[in-house]
């Protein structure tokens, strides 16, 4: 048994090295860009919101603890992010909201698509995302 495998002597926790300043700034710019895209997604049919909020939180966690805290405490985004960070769960309400939004977008696509195969690709993509989303566990009640 090597010293690294000895259960009586676990290895010391290794502190992650801080990111170079230029990488932190690039991640911060990416986080802000994702937040802008998420804000557009709130009002624009067919534009995703959740994925951009998740990417913003990921980048903020690595570049700006202040922005990350703000996101976690945000009235709309906070519960979604806390659920995701605590077990990759998605609330039933979020699942139904996404389903309704995608159903609305599917109707708009069917009514406006110039090429049926393009509508099929878009609706098929939404169906795959919904199948993945509904397979995600839900947070415990009261959590």
N, C-alpha and C. Protein backbone atom coordinates (compact mmCIF):
# COMPACT_ATOMS: atom_id res chain seq x y z
N UNK A 1 0.85 -1.18 0.00
CA UNK A 1 0.00 0.00 0.00
C UNK A 1 0.89 1.23 0.00
N UNK A 2 0.64 2.14 -0.90
CA UNK A 2 1.43 3.36 -0.97
C UNK A 2 0.90 4.37 0.05
N UNK A 3 1.72 5.35 0.42
CA UNK A 3 1.26 6.35 1.39
C UNK A 3 0.01 7.10 0.92
N UNK A 4 -0.14 7.27 -0.40
CA UNK A 4 -1.30 8.00 -0.91
C UNK A 4 -2.58 7.21 -0.72
N UNK A 5 -2.48 5.87 -0.60
CA UNK A 5 -3.65 5.02 -0.45
C UNK A 5 -3.95 4.71 1.01
N UNK A 6 -3.12 5.13 1.94
CA UNK A 6 -3.27 4.82 3.35
C UNK A 6 -4.50 5.53 3.92
N UNK A 7 -5.53 4.78 4.36
CA UNK A 7 -6.74 5.42 4.89
C UNK A 7 -6.49 6.15 6.21
N UNK A 8 -5.44 5.75 6.94
CA UNK A 8 -5.12 6.41 8.20
C UNK A 8 -4.45 7.76 7.98
N UNK A 9 -3.85 7.95 6.81
CA UNK A 9 -3.14 9.19 6.49
C UNK A 9 -3.66 9.75 5.16
N UNK A 10 -4.85 10.35 5.15
CA UNK A 10 -5.34 10.87 3.87
C UNK A 10 -4.49 12.03 3.39
N UNK A 11 -4.36 12.22 2.08
CA UNK A 11 -3.56 13.32 1.57
C UNK A 11 -4.20 14.65 1.94
N UNK A 12 -3.36 15.65 2.12
CA UNK A 12 -3.85 16.99 2.46
C UNK A 12 -4.61 17.56 1.27
N UNK A 13 -5.64 18.35 1.60
CA UNK A 13 -6.42 19.00 0.54
C UNK A 13 -5.52 19.97 -0.21
N UNK A 14 -5.63 19.93 -1.51
CA UNK A 14 -4.81 20.80 -2.34
C UNK A 14 -5.63 22.03 -2.70
N UNK A 15 -5.12 23.19 -2.38
CA UNK A 15 -5.79 24.45 -2.73
C UNK A 15 -5.65 24.66 -4.23
N UNK A 16 -6.76 24.99 -4.92
CA UNK A 16 -6.63 25.27 -6.34
C UNK A 16 -5.81 26.53 -6.57
N UNK A 17 -5.00 26.49 -7.61
CA UNK A 17 -4.20 27.67 -7.92
C UNK A 17 -5.10 28.74 -8.49
N UNK A 18 -4.87 30.00 -8.12
CA UNK A 18 -5.70 31.06 -8.68
C UNK A 18 -5.46 31.19 -10.18
N UNK A 19 -6.51 31.52 -10.88
CA UNK A 19 -6.42 31.70 -12.33
C UNK A 19 -5.64 32.97 -12.65
N UNK A 20 -4.93 32.98 -13.77
CA UNK A 20 -4.27 34.21 -14.19
C UNK A 20 -5.31 35.31 -14.40
N UNK A 21 -4.91 36.55 -14.18
CA UNK A 21 -5.82 37.69 -14.25
C UNK A 21 -6.52 37.78 -15.60
N UNK A 22 -5.80 37.52 -16.68
CA UNK A 22 -6.41 37.62 -18.00
C UNK A 22 -7.50 36.57 -18.18
N UNK A 23 -7.32 35.38 -17.63
CA UNK A 23 -8.33 34.32 -17.72
C UNK A 23 -9.55 34.71 -16.88
N UNK A 24 -9.31 35.27 -15.69
CA UNK A 24 -10.43 35.72 -14.86
C UNK A 24 -11.25 36.78 -15.58
N UNK A 25 -10.58 37.73 -16.23
CA UNK A 25 -11.30 38.78 -16.96
C UNK A 25 -12.09 38.20 -18.13
N UNK A 26 -11.50 37.26 -18.85
CA UNK A 26 -12.21 36.63 -19.97
C UNK A 26 -13.45 35.87 -19.48
N UNK A 27 -13.30 35.18 -18.36
CA UNK A 27 -14.45 34.47 -17.79
C UNK A 27 -15.52 35.44 -17.32
N UNK A 28 -15.09 36.58 -16.78
CA UNK A 28 -16.05 37.61 -16.33
C UNK A 28 -16.82 38.18 -17.53
N UNK A 29 -16.11 38.46 -18.61
CA UNK A 29 -16.77 38.96 -19.82
C UNK A 29 -17.74 37.92 -20.35
N UNK A 30 -17.33 36.66 -20.35
CA UNK A 30 -18.20 35.57 -20.79
C UNK A 30 -19.44 35.49 -19.91
N UNK A 31 -19.28 35.63 -18.59
CA UNK A 31 -20.42 35.57 -17.67
C UNK A 31 -21.40 36.70 -17.96
N UNK A 32 -20.89 37.90 -18.16
CA UNK A 32 -21.77 39.04 -18.44
C UNK A 32 -22.47 38.85 -19.79
N UNK A 33 -21.74 38.38 -20.79
CA UNK A 33 -22.35 38.11 -22.10
C UNK A 33 -23.47 37.08 -21.96
N UNK A 34 -23.24 36.04 -21.20
CA UNK A 34 -24.27 35.02 -21.00
C UNK A 34 -25.49 35.61 -20.28
N UNK A 35 -25.27 36.51 -19.33
CA UNK A 35 -26.39 37.15 -18.65
C UNK A 35 -27.20 38.02 -19.60
N UNK A 36 -26.52 38.73 -20.49
CA UNK A 36 -27.23 39.54 -21.49
C UNK A 36 -28.07 38.63 -22.39
N UNK A 37 -27.48 37.52 -22.84
CA UNK A 37 -28.22 36.59 -23.69
C UNK A 37 -29.40 35.96 -22.93
N UNK A 38 -29.21 35.69 -21.63
CA UNK A 38 -30.30 35.15 -20.82
C UNK A 38 -31.43 36.16 -20.69
N UNK A 39 -31.07 37.43 -20.51
CA UNK A 39 -32.10 38.48 -20.41
C UNK A 39 -32.89 38.59 -21.71
N UNK A 40 -32.20 38.47 -22.83
CA UNK A 40 -32.90 38.47 -24.13
C UNK A 40 -33.82 37.26 -24.21
N UNK A 41 -33.34 36.12 -23.71
CA UNK A 41 -34.12 34.89 -23.74
C UNK A 41 -35.39 34.96 -22.91
N UNK A 42 -35.41 35.83 -21.90
CA UNK A 42 -36.61 35.97 -21.08
C UNK A 42 -37.77 36.51 -21.92
N UNK A 43 -37.47 37.40 -22.87
CA UNK A 43 -38.54 38.05 -23.64
C UNK A 43 -38.64 37.55 -25.08
N UNK A 44 -37.62 36.92 -25.61
CA UNK A 44 -37.63 36.49 -27.01
C UNK A 44 -38.03 35.02 -27.12
N UNK A 45 -39.14 34.74 -27.80
CA UNK A 45 -39.54 33.33 -27.96
C UNK A 45 -38.47 32.56 -28.73
N UNK A 46 -38.19 31.37 -28.26
CA UNK A 46 -37.22 30.51 -28.94
C UNK A 46 -35.79 30.69 -28.47
N UNK A 47 -35.53 31.75 -27.74
CA UNK A 47 -34.18 32.01 -27.24
C UNK A 47 -34.08 31.40 -25.83
N UNK A 48 -33.14 30.50 -25.60
CA UNK A 48 -33.06 29.87 -24.28
C UNK A 48 -32.59 30.85 -23.21
N UNK A 49 -33.02 30.61 -22.00
CA UNK A 49 -32.59 31.43 -20.87
C UNK A 49 -31.74 30.60 -19.92
N UNK A 50 -32.25 29.44 -19.55
CA UNK A 50 -31.62 28.63 -18.51
C UNK A 50 -30.17 28.29 -18.83
N UNK A 51 -29.92 27.87 -20.04
CA UNK A 51 -28.55 27.46 -20.39
C UNK A 51 -27.58 28.63 -20.24
N UNK A 52 -28.02 29.84 -20.59
CA UNK A 52 -27.14 31.00 -20.46
C UNK A 52 -26.93 31.38 -18.99
N UNK A 53 -27.96 31.22 -18.17
CA UNK A 53 -27.81 31.48 -16.73
C UNK A 53 -26.83 30.49 -16.12
N UNK A 54 -26.94 29.21 -16.52
CA UNK A 54 -26.02 28.20 -15.99
C UNK A 54 -24.58 28.49 -16.41
N UNK A 55 -24.39 28.88 -17.67
CA UNK A 55 -23.03 29.20 -18.13
C UNK A 55 -22.50 30.44 -17.42
N UNK A 56 -23.37 31.43 -17.19
CA UNK A 56 -22.94 32.63 -16.47
C UNK A 56 -22.51 32.28 -15.05
N UNK A 57 -23.28 31.43 -14.39
CA UNK A 57 -22.92 31.02 -13.03
C UNK A 57 -21.61 30.26 -13.00
N UNK A 58 -21.42 29.39 -13.99
CA UNK A 58 -20.16 28.63 -14.07
C UNK A 58 -18.97 29.59 -14.21
N UNK A 59 -19.08 30.54 -15.12
CA UNK A 59 -17.98 31.47 -15.35
C UNK A 59 -17.80 32.40 -14.15
N UNK A 60 -18.89 32.84 -13.55
CA UNK A 60 -18.79 33.74 -12.40
C UNK A 60 -18.16 33.03 -11.20
N UNK A 61 -18.46 31.75 -11.02
CA UNK A 61 -17.88 31.00 -9.90
C UNK A 61 -16.36 30.94 -10.01
N UNK A 62 -15.84 31.03 -11.22
CA UNK A 62 -14.40 30.95 -11.43
C UNK A 62 -13.73 32.32 -11.56
N UNK A 63 -14.54 33.38 -11.73
CA UNK A 63 -13.93 34.68 -11.98
C UNK A 63 -14.34 35.76 -11.00
N UNK A 64 -15.56 35.69 -10.47
CA UNK A 64 -16.06 36.77 -9.62
C UNK A 64 -16.98 36.22 -8.54
N UNK A 65 -16.45 36.02 -7.34
CA UNK A 65 -17.31 35.54 -6.25
C UNK A 65 -18.49 36.50 -6.00
N UNK A 66 -18.28 37.77 -6.21
CA UNK A 66 -19.36 38.75 -6.00
C UNK A 66 -20.51 38.53 -6.99
N UNK A 67 -20.20 38.36 -8.28
CA UNK A 67 -21.24 38.10 -9.29
C UNK A 67 -21.90 36.75 -9.04
N UNK A 68 -21.12 35.77 -8.66
CA UNK A 68 -21.67 34.44 -8.38
C UNK A 68 -22.65 34.51 -7.20
N UNK A 69 -22.29 35.22 -6.14
CA UNK A 69 -23.19 35.40 -5.00
C UNK A 69 -24.48 36.10 -5.43
N UNK A 70 -24.33 37.15 -6.28
CA UNK A 70 -25.49 37.89 -6.75
C UNK A 70 -26.44 36.95 -7.52
N UNK A 71 -25.87 36.11 -8.38
CA UNK A 71 -26.69 35.17 -9.14
C UNK A 71 -27.40 34.18 -8.22
N UNK A 72 -26.67 33.66 -7.23
CA UNK A 72 -27.27 32.69 -6.31
C UNK A 72 -28.38 33.31 -5.47
N UNK A 73 -28.32 34.61 -5.21
CA UNK A 73 -29.33 35.29 -4.41
C UNK A 73 -30.39 35.98 -5.26
N UNK A 74 -30.28 35.89 -6.58
CA UNK A 74 -31.23 36.55 -7.48
C UNK A 74 -32.62 35.93 -7.29
N UNK A 75 -33.65 36.77 -7.36
CA UNK A 75 -35.03 36.33 -7.14
C UNK A 75 -35.47 35.27 -8.14
N UNK A 76 -35.12 35.43 -9.42
CA UNK A 76 -35.55 34.48 -10.44
C UNK A 76 -34.53 33.36 -10.68
N UNK A 77 -33.27 33.73 -10.78
CA UNK A 77 -32.23 32.75 -11.14
C UNK A 77 -31.70 31.96 -9.96
N UNK A 78 -31.78 32.53 -8.76
CA UNK A 78 -31.19 31.90 -7.57
C UNK A 78 -31.67 30.49 -7.30
N UNK A 79 -32.99 30.27 -7.23
CA UNK A 79 -33.45 28.90 -6.94
C UNK A 79 -32.99 27.89 -7.98
N UNK A 80 -33.05 28.26 -9.25
CA UNK A 80 -32.59 27.38 -10.33
C UNK A 80 -31.11 27.02 -10.14
N UNK A 81 -30.29 28.03 -9.87
CA UNK A 81 -28.85 27.79 -9.72
C UNK A 81 -28.53 26.99 -8.47
N UNK A 82 -29.20 27.31 -7.37
CA UNK A 82 -28.94 26.55 -6.14
C UNK A 82 -29.33 25.09 -6.31
N UNK A 83 -30.47 24.84 -6.98
CA UNK A 83 -30.86 23.45 -7.25
C UNK A 83 -29.82 22.75 -8.11
N UNK A 84 -29.34 23.45 -9.12
CA UNK A 84 -28.37 22.84 -10.03
C UNK A 84 -27.06 22.55 -9.32
N UNK A 85 -26.60 23.49 -8.49
CA UNK A 85 -25.33 23.30 -7.77
C UNK A 85 -25.46 22.27 -6.67
N UNK A 86 -26.67 22.03 -6.17
CA UNK A 86 -26.87 21.06 -5.09
C UNK A 86 -27.50 19.78 -5.63
N UNK A 87 -26.83 19.13 -6.54
CA UNK A 87 -27.28 17.83 -7.01
C UNK A 87 -27.81 17.80 -8.42
N UNK A 88 -27.61 18.88 -9.18
CA UNK A 88 -28.05 18.91 -10.59
C UNK A 88 -29.54 18.60 -10.71
N UNK A 89 -30.33 19.18 -9.81
CA UNK A 89 -31.76 18.96 -9.83
C UNK A 89 -32.47 20.12 -10.53
N UNK A 90 -33.68 19.84 -11.01
CA UNK A 90 -34.51 20.85 -11.68
C UNK A 90 -35.92 20.73 -11.09
N UNK A 91 -36.48 21.84 -10.66
CA UNK A 91 -37.80 21.80 -10.05
C UNK A 91 -38.87 21.45 -11.08
N UNK A 92 -39.96 20.90 -10.59
CA UNK A 92 -41.07 20.55 -11.48
C UNK A 92 -41.63 21.82 -12.14
N UNK A 93 -41.67 22.91 -11.40
CA UNK A 93 -42.17 24.17 -11.97
C UNK A 93 -41.30 24.61 -13.14
N UNK A 94 -39.99 24.51 -13.00
CA UNK A 94 -39.08 24.88 -14.09
C UNK A 94 -39.27 23.95 -15.29
N UNK A 95 -39.51 22.67 -15.03
CA UNK A 95 -39.74 21.72 -16.12
C UNK A 95 -41.01 22.08 -16.88
N UNK A 96 -42.09 22.40 -16.16
CA UNK A 96 -43.34 22.76 -16.82
C UNK A 96 -43.22 24.08 -17.56
N UNK A 97 -42.49 25.03 -16.98
CA UNK A 97 -42.28 26.32 -17.65
C UNK A 97 -41.54 26.12 -18.97
N UNK A 98 -40.49 25.31 -18.93
CA UNK A 98 -39.72 25.04 -20.15
C UNK A 98 -40.58 24.31 -21.17
N UNK A 99 -41.39 23.38 -20.72
CA UNK A 99 -42.27 22.64 -21.63
C UNK A 99 -43.26 23.58 -22.30
N UNK A 100 -43.87 24.47 -21.52
CA UNK A 100 -44.84 25.41 -22.08
C UNK A 100 -44.17 26.36 -23.08
N UNK A 101 -43.00 26.86 -22.72
CA UNK A 101 -42.29 27.78 -23.61
C UNK A 101 -41.91 27.09 -24.92
N UNK A 102 -41.43 25.85 -24.82
CA UNK A 102 -41.05 25.13 -26.03
C UNK A 102 -42.26 24.75 -26.87
N UNK A 103 -43.38 24.45 -26.22
CA UNK A 103 -44.60 24.14 -26.97
C UNK A 103 -45.06 25.38 -27.75
N UNK A 104 -45.02 26.53 -27.09
CA UNK A 104 -45.37 27.78 -27.77
C UNK A 104 -44.45 28.02 -28.96
N UNK A 105 -43.15 27.85 -28.74
CA UNK A 105 -42.17 28.04 -29.83
C UNK A 105 -42.40 27.04 -30.96
N UNK A 106 -42.77 25.81 -30.62
CA UNK A 106 -43.03 24.81 -31.66
C UNK A 106 -44.21 25.23 -32.53
N UNK A 107 -45.25 25.77 -31.91
CA UNK A 107 -46.40 26.25 -32.69
C UNK A 107 -45.99 27.40 -33.60
N UNK A 108 -45.21 28.34 -33.06
CA UNK A 108 -44.73 29.47 -33.87
C UNK A 108 -43.90 28.96 -35.04
N UNK A 109 -43.04 27.99 -34.77
CA UNK A 109 -42.18 27.44 -35.83
C UNK A 109 -43.02 26.76 -36.91
N UNK A 110 -43.99 25.96 -36.51
CA UNK A 110 -44.84 25.27 -37.48
C UNK A 110 -45.59 26.28 -38.36
N UNK A 111 -46.05 27.36 -37.76
CA UNK A 111 -46.82 28.36 -38.50
C UNK A 111 -45.97 29.26 -39.40
N UNK A 112 -44.68 29.37 -39.09
CA UNK A 112 -43.85 30.33 -39.83
C UNK A 112 -42.71 29.71 -40.62
N UNK A 113 -42.43 28.44 -40.42
CA UNK A 113 -41.28 27.83 -41.11
C UNK A 113 -41.53 27.77 -42.61
N UNK A 114 -40.50 28.13 -43.36
CA UNK A 114 -40.58 28.08 -44.82
C UNK A 114 -40.26 26.69 -45.36
N UNK A 115 -39.53 25.92 -44.55
CA UNK A 115 -39.16 24.57 -44.98
C UNK A 115 -39.55 23.59 -43.88
N UNK A 116 -40.36 22.61 -44.21
CA UNK A 116 -40.81 21.66 -43.19
C UNK A 116 -39.66 20.92 -42.50
N UNK A 117 -38.61 20.58 -43.22
CA UNK A 117 -37.50 19.86 -42.60
C UNK A 117 -36.82 20.72 -41.54
N UNK A 118 -36.77 22.04 -41.74
CA UNK A 118 -36.16 22.94 -40.76
C UNK A 118 -37.01 22.98 -39.48
N UNK A 119 -38.33 23.02 -39.65
CA UNK A 119 -39.22 22.98 -38.49
C UNK A 119 -39.04 21.65 -37.75
N UNK A 120 -38.88 20.57 -38.51
CA UNK A 120 -38.68 19.26 -37.89
C UNK A 120 -37.40 19.20 -37.07
N UNK A 121 -36.35 19.78 -37.60
CA UNK A 121 -35.07 19.80 -36.86
C UNK A 121 -35.21 20.60 -35.57
N UNK A 122 -35.84 21.76 -35.67
CA UNK A 122 -36.01 22.62 -34.49
C UNK A 122 -36.87 21.94 -33.43
N UNK A 123 -37.99 21.39 -33.85
CA UNK A 123 -38.90 20.74 -32.91
C UNK A 123 -38.27 19.46 -32.36
N UNK A 124 -37.54 18.74 -33.19
CA UNK A 124 -36.83 17.55 -32.71
C UNK A 124 -35.78 17.90 -31.66
N UNK A 125 -35.07 18.99 -31.87
CA UNK A 125 -34.07 19.45 -30.90
C UNK A 125 -34.74 19.79 -29.57
N UNK A 126 -35.87 20.49 -29.66
CA UNK A 126 -36.59 20.83 -28.42
C UNK A 126 -37.07 19.57 -27.71
N UNK A 127 -37.51 18.57 -28.47
CA UNK A 127 -37.97 17.32 -27.87
C UNK A 127 -36.84 16.61 -27.14
N UNK A 128 -35.65 16.61 -27.73
CA UNK A 128 -34.50 15.98 -27.08
C UNK A 128 -34.17 16.71 -25.77
N UNK A 129 -34.18 18.04 -25.81
CA UNK A 129 -33.89 18.83 -24.60
C UNK A 129 -34.94 18.55 -23.53
N UNK A 130 -36.22 18.50 -23.93
CA UNK A 130 -37.27 18.21 -22.95
C UNK A 130 -37.13 16.81 -22.37
N UNK A 131 -36.78 15.84 -23.19
CA UNK A 131 -36.57 14.48 -22.67
C UNK A 131 -35.45 14.47 -21.64
N UNK A 132 -34.36 15.17 -21.92
CA UNK A 132 -33.25 15.25 -20.96
C UNK A 132 -33.71 15.96 -19.70
N UNK A 133 -34.43 17.08 -19.87
CA UNK A 133 -34.85 17.89 -18.73
C UNK A 133 -35.77 17.10 -17.80
N UNK A 134 -36.73 16.39 -18.36
CA UNK A 134 -37.67 15.64 -17.52
C UNK A 134 -37.03 14.43 -16.85
N UNK A 135 -35.85 14.02 -17.31
CA UNK A 135 -35.13 12.92 -16.66
C UNK A 135 -34.27 13.41 -15.51
N UNK A 136 -34.10 14.73 -15.37
CA UNK A 136 -33.33 15.27 -14.26
C UNK A 136 -34.11 15.06 -12.96
N UNK A 137 -33.42 14.76 -11.86
CA UNK A 137 -34.13 14.60 -10.58
C UNK A 137 -34.68 15.95 -10.11
N UNK A 138 -35.68 15.88 -9.27
CA UNK A 138 -36.26 17.09 -8.68
C UNK A 138 -35.70 17.27 -7.29
N UNK A 139 -35.59 18.53 -6.85
CA UNK A 139 -35.07 18.77 -5.49
C UNK A 139 -36.03 18.20 -4.44
N UNK A 140 -35.52 17.87 -3.26
CA UNK A 140 -36.41 17.38 -2.20
C UNK A 140 -37.45 18.44 -1.86
N UNK A 141 -38.63 17.98 -1.45
CA UNK A 141 -39.68 18.92 -1.05
C UNK A 141 -39.19 19.78 0.11
N UNK A 142 -39.51 21.07 0.03
CA UNK A 142 -39.06 21.99 1.05
C UNK A 142 -37.65 22.48 0.80
N UNK A 143 -36.99 22.04 -0.29
CA UNK A 143 -35.62 22.44 -0.56
C UNK A 143 -35.47 23.29 -1.73
